[in-house]
Amino acid sequence: MQNRYVGDVGDFVKFALLRALSPGHRLGVVWYLVPDESHNGDGRHVSYLRKNEWRHLDPQVFDGLARIVANGERSVTALERFGLLRRCQFVSDLLPLPKAYAERAIARAEWLDSAVGKIRDCNLVFLDPDNGLQPERFRPASAKAIKSASFADLGRFRRPGRTLVVYHHHTRRKGGHAAETRYNADRLRAHGFDRVDALRANRYSPRAFFILNATDEIRRRAAAFAREWGDQRVTWCENPTEAFYASGQAQAP
């Protein structure tokens, strides 16, 4: 997560989803906040705020984000202050990246310990890494590692009775976004998550929200969210598996 992304269409989907899933739960949001970059135009997807086709989906979130963008307040601090998520514990500490390579693993471990402690009473936790799940060639002490949630991180956040929701920005992986979703779902199951589902957001810059170890009620709410938003915007992927779809037994979602 970077402050410059605040208010873009990804935030609208993100906040609306968490509001749909969280009633009756203690919600925790771990921003995985990293410094703003300037080498690309990411975060520019705010034109949806000028289109009537979006506001009806969640007027409170839409109006709040529109105000933040209009006021030039694009920061996680502004998001938290607007109170769009109730009963929420935020983790807003900047992810550390010491210059000394040897210090990076220690600094990240300390950040992770603090984050785990802050959301210890939450039974629904959203992780918002800048890029998403760790890539295939992940090096924990590299400069880019702060932009991913590692499987080791997920293991620390996992606990009985807790549902994790993890943001993942789609890549150019061969086979397209549906195949990438199924591939990552298989990876998550291999790392100990018994129940893996996903919501794919399809407009502007495609992304996925992996929903891990969800209760039946959370699953029903996620499926209802996708139906309300429509398949052109959000697709519900219940228990996607690479092997199942590769076998020809089903069509890709």
C-alpha atoms as a PDB file:
ATOM      1  CA  MET A   1       0.000   0.000   0.000  1.00  0.00           C
ATOM      2  CA  GLN A   2       1.173   3.527  -0.824  1.00  0.00           C
ATOM      3  CA  ASN A   3      -0.503   6.748   0.257  1.00  0.00           C
ATOM      4  CA  ARG A   4      -0.771   7.873  -3.371  1.00  0.00           C
ATOM      5  CA  TYR A   5      -3.207   5.011  -4.088  1.00  0.00           C
ATOM      6  CA  VAL A   6      -5.768   6.213  -1.552  1.00  0.00           C
ATOM      7  CA  GLY A   7      -9.150   6.849  -3.127  1.00  0.00           C
ATOM      8  CA  ASP A   8      -8.546   4.960  -6.375  1.00  0.00           C
ATOM      9  CA  VAL A   9     -11.013   2.371  -7.639  1.00  0.00           C
ATOM     10  CA  GLY A  10      -9.131  -0.377  -5.813  1.00  0.00           C
ATOM     11  CA  ASP A  11      -9.815   1.376  -2.520  1.00  0.00           C
ATOM     12  CA  PHE A  12     -13.502   1.629  -3.364  1.00  0.00           C
ATOM     13  CA  VAL A  13     -13.760  -2.133  -3.975  1.00  0.00           C
ATOM     14  CA  LYS A  14     -11.602  -2.838  -0.923  1.00  0.00           C
ATOM     15  CA  PHE A  15     -13.593  -0.759   1.552  1.00  0.00           C
ATOM     16  CA  ALA A  16     -16.962  -1.825   0.185  1.00  0.00           C
ATOM     17  CA  LEU A  17     -15.915  -5.481   0.449  1.00  0.00           C
ATOM     18  CA  LEU A  18     -14.672  -5.141   4.022  1.00  0.00           C
ATOM     19  CA  ARG A  19     -17.890  -3.376   5.014  1.00  0.00           C
ATOM     20  CA  ALA A  20     -19.867  -6.236   3.477  1.00  0.00           C
ATOM     21  CA  LEU A  21     -17.855  -8.942   5.237  1.00  0.00           C
ATOM     22  CA  SER A  22     -17.257  -7.390   8.644  1.00  0.00           C
ATOM     23  CA  PRO A  23     -20.631  -6.983  10.461  1.00  0.00           C
ATOM     24  CA  GLY A  24     -20.464  -8.962  13.691  1.00  0.00           C
ATOM     25  CA  HIS A  25     -16.665  -9.275  13.463  1.00  0.00           C
ATOM     26  CA  ARG A  26     -13.708  -7.491  14.971  1.00  0.00           C
ATOM     27  CA  LEU A  27     -11.857  -6.210  11.903  1.00  0.00           C
ATOM     28  CA  GLY A  28      -8.124  -5.608  11.625  1.00  0.00           C
ATOM     29  CA  VAL A  29      -6.453  -3.875   8.668  1.00  0.00           C
ATOM     30  CA  VAL A  30      -2.703  -4.222   8.126  1.00  0.00           C
ATOM     31  CA  TRP A  31      -1.726  -1.684   5.474  1.00  0.00           C
ATOM     32  CA  TYR A  32       1.772  -2.973   4.616  1.00  0.00           C
ATOM     33  CA  LEU A  33       2.511   0.722   4.064  1.00  0.00           C
ATOM     34  CA  VAL A  34       5.578   1.583   1.957  1.00  0.00           C
ATOM     35  CA  PRO A  35       6.894   4.975   0.791  1.00  0.00           C
ATOM     36  CA  ASP A  36       5.266   6.597  -2.241  1.00  0.00           C
ATOM     37  CA  GLU A  37       7.025   5.993  -5.543  1.00  0.00           C
ATOM     38  CA  SER A  38       7.062   8.325  -8.528  1.00  0.00           C
ATOM     39  CA  HIS A  39       8.350   6.207 -11.430  1.00  0.00           C
ATOM     40  CA  ASN A  40       4.872   5.363 -12.774  1.00  0.00           C
ATOM     41  CA  GLY A  41       1.305   6.651 -12.841  1.00  0.00           C
ATOM     42  CA  ASP A  42      -0.182   4.100 -10.454  1.00  0.00           C
ATOM     43  CA  GLY A  43      -2.927   5.499  -8.274  1.00  0.00           C
ATOM     44  CA  ARG A  44      -4.416   7.560 -11.069  1.00  0.00           C
ATOM     45  CA  HIS A  45      -7.584   5.431 -11.339  1.00  0.00           C
ATOM     46  CA  VAL A  46      -9.987   7.945  -9.767  1.00  0.00           C
ATOM     47  CA  SER A  47     -12.145   8.718 -12.821  1.00  0.00           C
ATOM     48  CA  TYR A  48     -14.780   6.306 -11.434  1.00  0.00           C
ATOM     49  CA  LEU A  49     -15.602   9.065  -8.908  1.00  0.00           C
ATOM     50  CA  ARG A  50     -17.078  11.076 -11.771  1.00  0.00           C
ATOM     51  CA  LYS A  51     -19.331   8.247 -12.970  1.00  0.00           C
ATOM     52  CA  ASN A  52     -22.828   7.545 -11.643  1.00  0.00           C
ATOM     53  CA  GLU A  53     -22.459   3.823 -12.374  1.00  0.00           C
ATOM     54  CA  TRP A  54     -20.389   3.296  -9.196  1.00  0.00           C
ATOM     55  CA  ARG A  55     -21.877   5.347  -6.359  1.00  0.00           C
ATOM     56  CA  HIS A  56     -24.994   3.201  -5.737  1.00  0.00           C
ATOM     57  CA  LEU A  57     -22.803   0.219  -4.841  1.00  0.00           C
ATOM     58  CA  ASP A  58     -21.741   1.864  -1.549  1.00  0.00           C
ATOM     59  CA  PRO A  59     -22.661   5.578  -1.318  1.00  0.00           C
ATOM     60  CA  GLN A  60     -20.948   6.104   2.041  1.00  0.00           C
ATOM     61  CA  VAL A  61     -17.597   4.780   0.845  1.00  0.00           C
ATOM     62  CA  PHE A  62     -17.923   6.510  -2.530  1.00  0.00           C
ATOM     63  CA  ASP A  63     -18.646   9.912  -0.992  1.00  0.00           C
ATOM     64  CA  GLY A  64     -15.917   9.536   1.619  1.00  0.00           C
ATOM     65  CA  LEU A  65     -13.268   8.649  -0.948  1.00  0.00           C
ATOM     66  CA  ALA A  66     -14.443  11.426  -3.274  1.00  0.00           C
ATOM     67  CA  ARG A  67     -13.996  13.929  -0.475  1.00  0.00           C
ATOM     68  CA  ILE A  68     -10.517  12.636   0.376  1.00  0.00           C
ATOM     69  CA  VAL A  69      -9.404  12.886  -3.258  1.00  0.00           C
ATOM     70  CA  ALA A  70     -10.987  16.327  -3.755  1.00  0.00           C
ATOM     71  CA  ASN A  71      -9.268  17.652  -0.626  1.00  0.00           C
ATOM     72  CA  GLY A  72      -5.883  16.297  -1.653  1.00  0.00           C
ATOM     73  CA  GLU A  73      -5.727  14.178   1.523  1.00  0.00           C
ATOM     74  CA  ARG A  74      -4.668  10.916  -0.081  1.00  0.00           C
ATOM     75  CA  SER A  75      -3.196   9.023   2.866  1.00  0.00           C
ATOM     76  CA  VAL A  76      -4.074   6.046   5.044  1.00  0.00           C
ATOM     77  CA  THR A  77      -4.374   8.499   7.931  1.00  0.00           C
ATOM     78  CA  ALA A  78      -7.260  10.198   6.102  1.00  0.00           C
ATOM     79  CA  LEU A  79      -8.898   6.824   5.430  1.00  0.00           C
ATOM     80  CA  GLU A  80      -8.764   5.932   9.097  1.00  0.00           C
ATOM     81  CA  ARG A  81     -10.011   9.332  10.222  1.00  0.00           C
ATOM     82  CA  PHE A  82     -13.089   9.195   7.977  1.00  0.00           C
ATOM     83  CA  GLY A  83     -14.370   6.141   9.874  1.00  0.00           C
ATOM     84  CA  LEU A  84     -15.489   4.158   6.826  1.00  0.00           C
ATOM     85  CA  LEU A  85     -14.749   0.930   8.699  1.00  0.00           C
ATOM     86  CA  ARG A  86     -16.310   0.481  12.130  1.00  0.00           C
ATOM     87  CA  ARG A  87     -14.748  -1.402  15.037  1.00  0.00           C
ATOM     88  CA  CYS A  88     -11.492  -1.588  13.110  1.00  0.00           C
ATOM     89  CA  GLN A  89      -7.943  -1.887  14.394  1.00  0.00           C
ATOM     90  CA  PHE A  90      -5.468  -0.421  11.893  1.00  0.00           C
ATOM     91  CA  VAL A  91      -1.749  -1.179  11.567  1.00  0.00           C
ATOM     92  CA  SER A  92      -0.284   1.896   9.874  1.00  0.00           C
ATOM     93  CA  ASP A  93       3.413   1.583  10.670  1.00  0.00           C
ATOM     94  CA  LEU A  94       5.676   2.074   7.656  1.00  0.00           C
ATOM     95  CA  LEU A  95       7.410  -1.134   6.612  1.00  0.00           C
ATOM     96  CA  PRO A  96      11.123  -0.658   7.383  1.00  0.00           C
ATOM     97  CA  LEU A  97      13.850  -1.022   4.772  1.00  0.00           C
ATOM     98  CA  PRO A  98      17.251  -0.408   6.395  1.00  0.00           C
ATOM     99  CA  LYS A  99      20.116   0.416   4.054  1.00  0.00           C
ATOM    100  CA  ALA A 100      22.181  -2.357   5.592  1.00  0.00           C
ATOM    101  CA  TYR A 101      21.129  -5.655   3.997  1.00  0.00           C
ATOM    102  CA  ALA A 102      21.908  -7.610   7.155  1.00  0.00           C
ATOM    103  CA  GLU A 103      19.470  -5.492   9.201  1.00  0.00           C
ATOM    104  CA  ARG A 104      16.431  -5.987   6.964  1.00  0.00           C
ATOM    105  CA  ALA A 105      15.280  -9.381   8.234  1.00  0.00           C
ATOM    106  CA  ILE A 106      15.455  -8.169  11.833  1.00  0.00           C
ATOM    107  CA  ALA A 107      13.576  -4.955  11.036  1.00  0.00           C
ATOM    108  CA  ARG A 108      10.815  -6.828   9.209  1.00  0.00           C
ATOM    109  CA  ALA A 109      10.485  -9.354  12.023  1.00  0.00           C
ATOM    110  CA  GLU A 110      10.043  -6.523  14.510  1.00  0.00           C
ATOM    111  CA  TRP A 111       7.408  -4.878  12.301  1.00  0.00           C
ATOM    112  CA  LEU A 112       5.592  -8.195  11.957  1.00  0.00           C
ATOM    113  CA  ASP A 113       5.673  -8.869  15.701  1.00  0.00           C
ATOM    114  CA  SER A 114       4.118  -5.460  16.312  1.00  0.00           C
ATOM    115  CA  ALA A 115       1.419  -5.963  13.648  1.00  0.00           C
ATOM    116  CA  VAL A 116       0.468  -9.414  14.946  1.00  0.00           C
ATOM    117  CA  GLY A 117       0.155  -8.021  18.446  1.00  0.00           C
ATOM    118  CA  LYS A 118      -2.008  -5.079  17.433  1.00  0.00           C
ATOM    119  CA  ILE A 119      -4.627  -7.240  15.712  1.00  0.00           C
ATOM    120  CA  ARG A 120      -4.540 -10.146  18.160  1.00  0.00           C
ATOM    121  CA  ASP A 121      -8.214  -9.685  19.118  1.00  0.00           C
ATOM    122  CA  CYS A 122      -9.458  -9.481  15.525  1.00  0.00           C
ATOM    123  CA  ASN A 123     -11.249 -12.416  13.916  1.00  0.00           C
ATOM    124  CA  LEU A 124     -11.310 -10.850  10.425  1.00  0.00           C
ATOM    125  CA  VAL A 125      -8.000  -9.455   9.186  1.00  0.00           C
ATOM    126  CA  PHE A 126      -7.230  -7.728   5.891  1.00  0.00           C
ATOM    127  CA  LEU A 127      -3.638  -7.619   4.640  1.00  0.00           C
ATOM    128  CA  ASP A 128      -2.899  -4.955   2.012  1.00  0.00           C
ATOM    129  CA  PRO A 129       0.593  -5.509   0.540  1.00  0.00           C
ATOM    130  CA  ASP A 130       1.594  -3.192  -2.284  1.00  0.00           C
ATOM    131  CA  ASN A 131       1.976  -5.990  -4.854  1.00  0.00           C
ATOM    132  CA  GLY A 132       0.257  -8.901  -3.138  1.00  0.00           C
ATOM    133  CA  LEU A 133       1.405 -12.445  -2.444  1.00  0.00           C
ATOM    134  CA  GLN A 134       5.098 -13.212  -2.560  1.00  0.00           C
ATOM    135  CA  PRO A 135       6.357 -13.900  -6.095  1.00  0.00           C
ATOM    136  CA  GLU A 136       8.073 -17.123  -7.129  1.00  0.00           C
ATOM    137  CA  ARG A 137      11.572 -15.654  -6.779  1.00  0.00           C
ATOM    138  CA  PHE A 138      10.976 -14.020  -3.419  1.00  0.00           C
ATOM    139  CA  ARG A 139      14.024 -12.930  -1.399  1.00  0.00           C
ATOM    140  CA  PRO A 140      12.975 -11.815   2.110  1.00  0.00           C
ATOM    141  CA  ALA A 141      15.785  -9.265   2.508  1.00  0.00           C
ATOM    142  CA  SER A 142      15.568  -7.722  -0.952  1.00  0.00           C
ATOM    143  CA  ALA A 143      14.417  -4.138  -1.433  1.00  0.00           C
ATOM    144  CA  LYS A 144      11.242  -5.333  -3.180  1.00  0.00           C
ATOM    145  CA  ALA A 145      10.285  -7.743  -0.393  1.00  0.00           C
ATOM    146  CA  ILE A 146       8.411  -5.028   1.508  1.00  0.00           C
ATOM    147  CA  LYS A 147       5.896  -4.904  -1.352  1.00  0.00           C
ATOM    148  CA  SER A 148       4.699  -8.480  -0.768  1.00  0.00           C
ATOM    149  CA  ALA A 149       3.025 -10.500   1.968  1.00  0.00           C
ATOM    150  CA  SER A 150       5.168 -13.586   2.387  1.00  0.00           C
ATOM    151  CA  PHE A 151       3.792 -17.009   3.219  1.00  0.00           C
ATOM    152  CA  ALA A 152       5.752 -16.751   6.461  1.00  0.00           C
ATOM    153  CA  ASP A 153       3.786 -13.564   7.229  1.00  0.00           C
ATOM    154  CA  LEU A 154       0.493 -15.328   6.546  1.00  0.00           C
ATOM    155  CA  GLY A 155       1.495 -18.094   8.901  1.00  0.00           C
ATOM    156  CA  ARG A 156       1.995 -15.544  11.674  1.00  0.00           C
ATOM    157  CA  PHE A 157      -1.392 -13.924  11.064  1.00  0.00           C
ATOM    158  CA  ARG A 158      -3.257 -17.224  10.853  1.00  0.00           C
ATOM    159  CA  ARG A 159      -5.104 -18.383  13.952  1.00  0.00           C
ATOM    160  CA  PRO A 160      -8.136 -20.613  14.710  1.00  0.00           C
ATOM    161  CA  GLY A 161     -11.431 -18.870  14.079  1.00  0.00           C
ATOM    162  CA  ARG A 162      -9.891 -16.039  12.057  1.00  0.00           C
ATOM    163  CA  THR A 163     -10.563 -15.260   8.390  1.00  0.00           C
ATOM    164  CA  LEU A 164      -7.747 -13.581   6.467  1.00  0.00           C
ATOM    165  CA  VAL A 165      -8.347 -11.461   3.371  1.00  0.00           C
ATOM    166  CA  VAL A 166      -5.208 -10.775   1.322  1.00  0.00           C
ATOM    167  CA  TYR A 167      -4.887  -8.287  -1.544  1.00  0.00           C
ATOM    168  CA  HIS A 168      -3.048  -9.395  -4.682  1.00  0.00           C
ATOM    169  CA  HIS A 169      -2.358  -7.271  -7.759  1.00  0.00           C
ATOM    170  CA  HIS A 170      -2.551  -9.352 -10.910  1.00  0.00           C
ATOM    171  CA  THR A 171       0.610  -9.801 -12.966  1.00  0.00           C
ATOM    172  CA  ARG A 172       1.200 -10.791 -16.585  1.00  0.00           C
ATOM    173  CA  ARG A 173       1.399 -14.474 -15.684  1.00  0.00           C
ATOM    174  CA  LYS A 174       0.781 -16.773 -18.642  1.00  0.00           C
ATOM    175  CA  GLY A 175      -2.820 -17.939 -18.878  1.00  0.00           C
ATOM    176  CA  GLY A 176      -4.477 -14.737 -17.700  1.00  0.00           C
ATOM    177  CA  HIS A 177      -5.960 -13.565 -14.431  1.00  0.00           C
ATOM    178  CA  ALA A 178      -8.293 -16.516 -13.829  1.00  0.00           C
ATOM    179  CA  ALA A 179      -5.360 -18.911 -14.178  1.00  0.00           C
ATOM    180  CA  GLU A 180      -3.234 -16.746 -11.887  1.00  0.00           C
ATOM    181  CA  THR A 181      -5.981 -16.828  -9.261  1.00  0.00           C
ATOM    182  CA  ARG A 182      -6.148 -20.608  -9.367  1.00  0.00           C
ATOM    183  CA  TYR A 183      -2.347 -20.892  -9.270  1.00  0.00           C
ATOM    184  CA  ASN A 184      -2.098 -18.728  -6.166  1.00  0.00           C
ATOM    185  CA  ALA A 185      -4.977 -20.547  -4.520  1.00  0.00           C
ATOM    186  CA  ASP A 186      -3.027 -23.787  -4.914  1.00  0.00           C
ATOM    187  CA  ARG A 187       0.046 -22.117  -3.399  1.00  0.00           C
ATOM    188  CA  LEU A 188      -1.981 -20.940  -0.411  1.00  0.00           C
ATOM    189  CA  ARG A 189      -3.398 -24.421   0.185  1.00  0.00           C
ATOM    190  CA  ALA A 190       0.140 -25.811   0.022  1.00  0.00           C
ATOM    191  CA  HIS A 191       1.046 -23.399   2.828  1.00  0.00           C
ATOM    192  CA  GLY A 192      -1.613 -24.673   5.197  1.00  0.00           C
ATOM    193  CA  PHE A 193      -4.861 -22.861   4.400  1.00  0.00           C
ATOM    194  CA  ASP A 194      -7.663 -25.422   4.250  1.00  0.00           C
ATOM    195  CA  ARG A 195     -10.257 -23.155   2.664  1.00  0.00           C
ATOM    196  CA  VAL A 196      -9.176 -20.748  -0.077  1.00  0.00           C
ATOM    197  CA  ASP A 197     -11.582 -18.557  -2.047  1.00  0.00           C
ATOM    198  CA  ALA A 198     -11.123 -15.363  -4.039  1.00  0.00           C
ATOM    199  CA  LEU A 199     -12.904 -12.323  -5.367  1.00  0.00           C
ATOM    200  CA  ARG A 200     -11.457 -10.954  -8.603  1.00  0.00           C
ATOM    201  CA  ALA A 201     -11.975  -7.242  -9.285  1.00  0.00           C
ATOM    202  CA  ASN A 202     -12.039  -6.891 -13.047  1.00  0.00           C
ATOM    203  CA  ARG A 203     -12.212  -3.193 -13.921  1.00  0.00           C
ATOM    204  CA  TYR A 204      -9.351  -0.723 -14.487  1.00  0.00           C
ATOM    205  CA  SER A 205      -6.341  -2.455 -12.909  1.00  0.00           C
ATOM    206  CA  PRO A 206      -7.359  -6.096 -12.189  1.00  0.00           C
ATOM    207  CA  ARG A 207      -6.699  -7.463  -8.713  1.00  0.00           C
ATOM    208  CA  ALA A 208      -7.768 -10.298  -6.448  1.00  0.00           C
ATOM    209  CA  PHE A 209      -8.781 -10.573  -2.814  1.00  0.00           C
ATOM    210  CA  PHE A 210      -7.951 -14.013  -1.417  1.00  0.00           C
ATOM    211  CA  ILE A 211     -10.268 -15.050   1.408  1.00  0.00           C
ATOM    212  CA  LEU A 212      -8.614 -17.645   3.621  1.00  0.00           C
ATOM    213  CA  ASN A 213     -10.232 -20.036   6.097  1.00  0.00           C
ATOM    214  CA  ALA A 214     -13.559 -18.237   5.767  1.00  0.00           C
ATOM    215  CA  THR A 215     -16.605 -19.243   7.739  1.00  0.00           C
ATOM    216  CA  ASP A 216     -19.711 -20.271   5.815  1.00  0.00           C
ATOM    217  CA  GLU A 217     -21.230 -16.882   6.633  1.00  0.00           C
ATOM    218  CA  ILE A 218     -18.233 -14.973   5.270  1.00  0.00           C
ATOM    219  CA  ARG A 219     -18.430 -17.066   2.106  1.00  0.00           C
ATOM    220  CA  ARG A 220     -22.121 -16.257   1.674  1.00  0.00           C
ATOM    221  CA  ARG A 221     -21.425 -12.546   2.128  1.00  0.00           C
ATOM    222  CA  ALA A 222     -18.564 -12.608  -0.388  1.00  0.00           C
ATOM    223  CA  ALA A 223     -20.701 -14.397  -2.987  1.00  0.00           C
ATOM    224  CA  ALA A 224     -23.549 -11.924  -2.392  1.00  0.00           C
ATOM    225  CA  PHE A 225     -21.110  -9.019  -2.787  1.00  0.00           C
ATOM    226  CA  ALA A 226     -20.054 -10.340  -6.196  1.00  0.00           C
ATOM    227  CA  ARG A 227     -23.660 -10.794  -7.308  1.00  0.00           C
ATOM    228  CA  GLU A 228     -24.537  -7.252  -6.262  1.00  0.00           C
ATOM    229  CA  TRP A 229     -21.554  -5.731  -8.051  1.00  0.00           C
ATOM    230  CA  GLY A 230     -21.966  -7.854 -11.171  1.00  0.00           C
ATOM    231  CA  ASP A 231     -19.491 -10.030 -13.036  1.00  0.00           C
ATOM    232  CA  GLN A 232     -18.170  -7.125 -15.084  1.00  0.00           C
ATOM    233  CA  ARG A 233     -16.783  -5.628 -11.877  1.00  0.00           C
ATOM    234  CA  VAL A 234     -16.274  -8.517  -9.444  1.00  0.00           C
ATOM    235  CA  THR A 235     -16.123 -12.303  -9.923  1.00  0.00           C
ATOM    236  CA  TRP A 236     -16.601 -14.786  -7.073  1.00  0.00           C
ATOM    237  CA  CYS A 237     -14.180 -17.729  -7.258  1.00  0.00           C
ATOM    238  CA  GLU A 238     -15.095 -20.351  -4.680  1.00  0.00           C
ATOM    239  CA  ASN A 239     -12.323 -22.875  -4.036  1.00  0.00           C
ATOM    240  CA  PRO A 240     -10.431 -22.288  -7.311  1.00  0.00           C
ATOM    241  CA  THR A 241      -7.886 -24.994  -8.116  1.00  0.00           C
ATOM    242  CA  GLU A 242      -5.396 -25.211 -10.970  1.00  0.00           C
ATOM    243  CA  ALA A 243      -5.701 -28.990 -11.235  1.00  0.00           C
ATOM    244  CA  PHE A 244      -9.518 -29.021 -11.314  1.00  0.00           C
ATOM    245  CA  TYR A 245      -9.787 -26.545 -14.174  1.00  0.00           C
ATOM    246  CA  ALA A 246      -6.817 -28.037 -16.041  1.00  0.00           C
ATOM    247  CA  SER A 247      -8.588 -31.422 -15.994  1.00  0.00           C
ATOM    248  CA  GLY A 248     -11.392 -30.058 -18.165  1.00  0.00           C
ATOM    249  CA  GLN A 249     -14.088 -30.817 -15.589  1.00  0.00           C
ATOM    250  CA  ALA A 250     -15.182 -27.187 -15.382  1.00  0.00           C
ATOM    251  CA  GLN A 251     -14.976 -23.918 -17.185  1.00  0.00           C
ATOM    252  CA  ALA A 252     -12.804 -21.140 -15.813  1.00  0.00           C
ATOM    253  CA  PRO A 253     -14.785 -18.604 -13.765  1.00  0.00           C
END
